[in-house]
Amino acid sequence: MLLKSIEVAQWYLAANPGKLAIVVMAEAHTPYVAPLLRDEYSGYRELIRLRKQQRIDPEQFEQRRLDTTFVIQSMLFGDGAVALLVGSEAGKPAFGPISHLTNDHPTDMNLLTMVNNSSHEFLKGRPQYFMQPSVPNRGAHYAVTTVKSVLKHPDSPVSDLTEVDDCLIHTGSKKILDGVCSQLDLEPESAKVHGSYKVLECYGNLSSASTGFMLADKNEWSGPAIVVGFGVGFTASAGIMNFN
């Protein structure tokens, strides 16, 4: 994720005063996404209802649930790359404090997983993502937990989200963005989170590159922003960003 790479860059800059570091994030999801094979697919809730009514057996339920997951991935993920120049010079972005959270619950390690050699006939052995239906709820939990940790940090320049200009939240999905906004008392239509929804709408889920796209879209900067990212692991990070 962007913030973990930023921390590595900060360690380098601390040991090499006056230098600059460039952080590059790149994602290529589409080669790992299975193609759509049918005209119609069932939603998770519909599949649960059909299983409760015993209209499909356990094996059919699991296969159709996987098919639905692949459809969501096909529509959600996008490809992208971003580069960010970091340093102590005036006009360069400065980050901190930063908070991380990984596997808050033991089962969270299975929320997002990847196999190296997919058994799907069309992927021909390429890697493949698997997402659990609980990803939106747990993703929101991770994002909110790390944000609150940053706001409580003794070195944080802000103690409340009313004091930041922007909340740049990783484009996991609209459900995740809505969940994060709800738990942090942010209006989804507000300017503070506009960049997050815009990047999701225009480019899809760009994983580690998503918040970098939001930073690139900012033409003016007057105050601090909070950056939030999360992903496979299951892990999340949040941090304050200012300009030197």
Protein backbone atom coordinates (compact mmCIF):
# COMPACT_ATOMS: atom_id res chain seq x y z
CA MET A 1 0.00 0.00 0.00
CA LEU A 2 1.01 3.62 -0.55
CA LEU A 3 1.54 4.52 3.11
CA LYS A 4 3.79 1.53 3.82
CA SER A 5 5.96 2.50 0.86
CA ILE A 6 5.97 6.09 2.12
CA GLU A 7 7.36 4.90 5.45
CA VAL A 8 10.22 3.10 3.70
CA ALA A 9 10.95 6.31 1.75
CA GLN A 10 10.95 8.29 5.01
CA TRP A 11 13.53 5.92 6.52
CA TYR A 12 15.75 6.51 3.49
CA LEU A 13 15.32 10.29 3.68
CA ALA A 14 16.10 10.30 7.41
CA ALA A 15 19.42 8.57 6.65
CA ASN A 16 20.10 10.73 3.58
CA PRO A 17 19.24 14.40 4.33
CA GLY A 18 18.66 16.57 1.30
CA LYS A 19 17.81 13.63 -0.95
CA LEU A 20 14.53 12.89 -2.69
CA ALA A 21 12.70 9.56 -2.94
CA ILE A 22 10.21 8.48 -5.57
CA VAL A 23 7.44 6.05 -4.61
CA VAL A 24 5.82 4.08 -7.43
CA MET A 25 2.62 2.05 -7.09
CA ALA A 26 1.34 -0.07 -9.98
CA GLU A 27 -1.58 -2.48 -10.28
CA ALA A 28 -2.62 -4.77 -13.13
CA HIS A 29 -5.76 -6.58 -12.02
CA THR A 30 -7.51 -7.36 -15.27
CA PRO A 31 -5.21 -10.23 -16.36
CA TYR A 32 -6.28 -12.06 -13.17
CA VAL A 33 -10.02 -11.63 -13.66
CA ALA A 34 -12.09 -14.46 -15.07
CA PRO A 35 -14.32 -13.62 -18.08
CA LEU A 36 -18.11 -13.53 -17.79
CA LEU A 37 -19.57 -16.82 -18.99
CA ARG A 38 -23.33 -16.28 -18.58
CA ASP A 39 -25.86 -13.54 -19.29
CA GLU A 40 -27.29 -13.58 -15.75
CA TYR A 41 -25.76 -14.01 -12.30
CA SER A 42 -27.35 -14.14 -8.84
CA GLY A 43 -26.54 -11.75 -5.99
CA TYR A 44 -25.30 -13.07 -2.64
CA ARG A 45 -28.65 -12.47 -0.92
CA GLU A 46 -30.53 -14.28 -3.67
CA LEU A 47 -28.20 -17.26 -3.41
CA ILE A 48 -28.67 -17.42 0.36
CA ARG A 49 -32.44 -17.34 -0.12
CA LEU A 50 -32.29 -20.13 -2.71
CA ARG A 51 -30.12 -22.24 -0.40
CA LYS A 52 -32.48 -21.74 2.55
CA GLN A 53 -35.37 -22.79 0.31
CA GLN A 54 -33.30 -25.83 -0.69
CA ARG A 55 -33.64 -24.93 -4.34
CA ILE A 56 -29.88 -25.39 -4.80
CA ASP A 57 -27.59 -27.86 -3.05
CA PRO A 58 -24.43 -26.88 -1.12
CA GLU A 59 -22.14 -27.60 -4.07
CA GLN A 60 -24.23 -25.48 -6.44
CA PHE A 61 -24.38 -22.71 -3.85
CA GLU A 62 -20.62 -22.55 -3.48
CA GLN A 63 -19.98 -22.59 -7.22
CA ARG A 64 -22.55 -19.88 -7.91
CA ARG A 65 -21.18 -17.80 -5.02
CA LEU A 66 -17.73 -17.98 -6.60
CA ASP A 67 -19.19 -17.05 -9.99
CA THR A 68 -20.83 -13.98 -8.43
CA THR A 69 -17.54 -13.04 -6.77
CA PHE A 70 -15.75 -13.22 -10.13
CA VAL A 71 -18.42 -10.99 -11.71
CA ILE A 72 -17.96 -8.39 -8.97
CA GLN A 73 -14.20 -8.47 -9.52
CA SER A 74 -14.65 -8.10 -13.27
CA MET A 75 -16.74 -4.96 -12.78
CA LEU A 76 -14.83 -3.51 -9.81
CA PHE A 77 -11.08 -3.74 -10.42
CA GLY A 78 -9.05 -1.55 -12.75
CA ASP A 79 -5.42 -1.11 -13.79
CA GLY A 80 -3.30 1.92 -12.94
CA ALA A 81 0.04 3.29 -11.77
CA VAL A 82 1.14 6.40 -9.89
CA ALA A 83 4.47 7.97 -8.88
CA LEU A 84 4.99 10.32 -5.94
CA LEU A 85 8.11 12.42 -5.20
CA VAL A 86 8.82 12.70 -1.47
CA GLY A 87 11.39 14.89 0.28
CA SER A 88 12.01 17.60 2.86
CA GLU A 89 12.07 20.45 0.34
CA ALA A 90 9.32 23.05 0.28
CA GLY A 91 6.37 21.95 -1.80
CA LYS A 92 6.99 18.23 -1.29
CA PRO A 93 4.41 16.11 0.55
CA ALA A 94 5.11 15.17 4.17
CA PHE A 95 3.41 12.26 5.95
CA GLY A 96 2.81 11.43 9.60
CA PRO A 97 1.75 10.08 11.90
CA ILE A 98 0.84 6.79 10.19
CA SER A 99 -1.09 3.89 11.74
CA HIS A 100 -1.26 0.27 10.54
CA LEU A 101 -3.55 -2.64 11.37
CA THR A 102 -3.16 -6.25 10.19
CA ASN A 103 -5.37 -9.26 10.93
CA ASP A 104 -7.40 -7.64 13.70
CA HIS A 105 -9.20 -10.98 13.93
CA PRO A 106 -7.56 -14.34 13.03
CA THR A 107 -10.16 -15.13 10.36
CA ASP A 108 -9.52 -11.82 8.57
CA MET A 109 -6.49 -13.31 6.83
CA ASN A 110 -8.98 -15.13 4.57
CA LEU A 111 -10.99 -12.05 3.55
CA LEU A 112 -8.90 -11.50 0.42
CA THR A 113 -6.73 -14.33 -0.83
CA MET A 114 -4.93 -15.24 -4.03
CA VAL A 115 -3.91 -18.53 -5.57
CA ASN A 116 -0.80 -18.66 -7.75
CA ASN A 117 -2.24 -21.15 -10.23
CA SER A 118 -5.95 -20.79 -10.90
CA SER A 119 -7.94 -23.87 -11.84
CA HIS A 120 -10.33 -21.71 -13.91
CA GLU A 121 -10.18 -22.92 -17.50
CA PHE A 122 -9.97 -19.43 -19.00
CA LEU A 123 -7.25 -18.13 -16.68
CA LYS A 124 -4.89 -20.94 -17.73
CA GLY A 125 -2.97 -21.15 -14.48
CA ARG A 126 -2.64 -17.40 -13.85
CA PRO A 127 -3.12 -15.99 -10.31
CA GLN A 128 -6.68 -15.39 -9.13
CA TYR A 129 -8.24 -13.29 -6.35
CA PHE A 130 -10.90 -14.59 -3.99
CA MET A 131 -13.05 -12.23 -1.92
CA GLN A 132 -15.32 -13.11 0.99
CA PRO A 133 -18.79 -11.45 1.16
CA SER A 134 -17.82 -9.83 4.48
CA VAL A 135 -15.09 -7.72 2.85
CA PRO A 136 -17.16 -4.46 2.80
CA ASN A 137 -17.97 -4.61 6.53
CA ARG A 138 -14.48 -5.64 7.61
CA GLY A 139 -12.83 -3.20 5.22
CA ALA A 140 -14.82 -0.33 6.76
CA HIS A 141 -13.85 -1.55 10.23
CA TYR A 142 -10.14 -1.52 9.36
CA ALA A 143 -10.30 1.90 7.74
CA VAL A 144 -12.18 3.47 10.64
CA THR A 145 -9.91 1.87 13.26
CA THR A 146 -6.70 3.18 11.68
CA VAL A 147 -8.17 6.66 11.14
CA LYS A 148 -9.18 6.92 14.80
CA SER A 149 -5.72 5.70 15.84
CA VAL A 150 -4.06 8.48 13.81
CA LEU A 151 -6.37 11.15 15.22
CA LYS A 152 -5.52 10.05 18.78
CA HIS A 153 -1.77 10.00 18.15
CA PRO A 154 0.09 12.58 20.28
CA ASP A 155 2.02 13.84 17.23
CA SER A 156 -1.06 14.26 15.04
CA PRO A 157 -1.57 17.87 13.85
CA VAL A 158 -5.34 17.28 13.93
CA SER A 159 -7.65 15.60 16.42
CA ASP A 160 -10.86 15.57 14.41
CA LEU A 161 -11.84 15.06 10.77
CA THR A 162 -13.37 18.54 10.73
CA GLU A 163 -9.76 19.81 10.75
CA VAL A 164 -8.72 18.07 7.51
CA ASP A 165 -9.46 19.30 4.01
CA ASP A 166 -9.76 15.88 2.40
CA CYS A 167 -10.33 12.24 3.32
CA LEU A 168 -8.68 10.18 0.60
CA ILE A 169 -10.07 6.68 1.08
CA HIS A 170 -8.91 3.66 -0.92
CA THR A 171 -11.47 2.71 -3.57
CA GLY A 172 -12.37 -0.73 -2.23
CA SER A 173 -15.98 -0.47 -3.38
CA LYS A 174 -18.94 1.86 -3.00
CA LYS A 175 -20.16 -0.28 -0.08
CA ILE A 176 -16.85 0.18 1.70
CA LEU A 177 -16.74 3.93 1.02
CA ASP A 178 -20.33 4.31 2.24
CA GLY A 179 -19.53 2.27 5.34
CA VAL A 180 -16.43 4.31 6.17
CA CYS A 181 -18.33 7.57 5.66
CA SER A 182 -21.18 6.38 7.87
CA GLN A 183 -18.90 5.36 10.74
CA LEU A 184 -16.81 8.55 10.53
CA ASP A 185 -19.85 10.85 10.22
CA LEU A 186 -18.85 11.98 6.73
CA GLU A 187 -21.41 12.82 4.07
CA PRO A 188 -20.79 10.76 0.91
CA GLU A 189 -21.79 13.78 -1.20
CA SER A 190 -19.39 16.14 0.60
CA ALA A 191 -16.32 17.67 -1.03
CA LYS A 192 -14.15 16.02 1.63
CA VAL A 193 -14.62 12.53 0.14
CA HIS A 194 -15.46 13.56 -3.43
CA GLY A 195 -12.06 12.43 -4.73
CA SER A 196 -12.55 8.89 -3.40
CA TYR A 197 -15.90 8.38 -5.10
CA LYS A 198 -14.67 10.06 -8.30
CA VAL A 199 -11.65 7.76 -8.67
CA LEU A 200 -13.83 4.70 -8.03
CA GLU A 201 -16.36 5.85 -10.63
CA CYS A 202 -13.77 6.70 -13.28
CA TYR A 203 -11.16 3.99 -12.78
CA GLY A 204 -12.56 1.28 -10.48
CA ASN A 205 -10.68 -0.28 -7.58
CA LEU A 206 -7.02 0.54 -8.23
CA SER A 207 -5.80 -1.01 -4.96
CA SER A 208 -2.49 0.56 -3.90
CA ALA A 209 -2.59 3.19 -6.66
CA SER A 210 -6.04 4.54 -5.77
CA THR A 211 -5.08 7.22 -3.22
CA GLY A 212 -2.22 8.30 -5.48
CA PHE A 213 -4.75 9.01 -8.23
CA MET A 214 -6.70 11.16 -5.75
CA LEU A 215 -3.57 13.13 -4.88
CA ALA A 216 -2.81 13.63 -8.58
CA ASP A 217 -6.30 15.07 -9.14
CA LYS A 218 -5.83 17.75 -6.46
CA ASN A 219 -5.05 21.11 -8.06
CA GLU A 220 -4.99 23.17 -4.87
CA TRP A 221 -3.78 22.41 -1.36
CA SER A 222 -4.51 24.51 1.71
CA GLY A 223 -4.45 22.11 4.64
CA PRO A 224 -3.86 18.55 5.84
CA ALA A 225 -5.54 15.47 4.41
CA ILE A 226 -5.97 11.99 5.79
CA VAL A 227 -5.05 9.08 3.52
CA VAL A 228 -6.57 5.62 4.07
CA GLY A 229 -5.62 2.36 2.36
CA PHE A 230 -6.35 -1.33 2.90
CA GLY A 231 -6.07 -4.65 1.14
CA VAL A 232 -4.88 -8.24 1.01
CA GLY A 233 -3.46 -9.43 4.28
CA PHE A 234 -5.98 -8.32 5.66
CA THR A 235 -4.38 -4.97 6.41
CA ALA A 236 -5.07 -1.24 6.53
CA SER A 237 -3.12 1.99 6.98
CA ALA A 238 -4.08 5.60 7.64
CA GLY A 239 -1.93 8.72 7.84
CA ILE A 240 -1.92 12.50 7.77
CA MET A 241 -0.47 14.26 4.72
CA ASN A 242 0.73 17.87 4.56
CA PHE A 243 2.95 19.86 2.27
CA ASN A 244 6.31 21.08 3.59
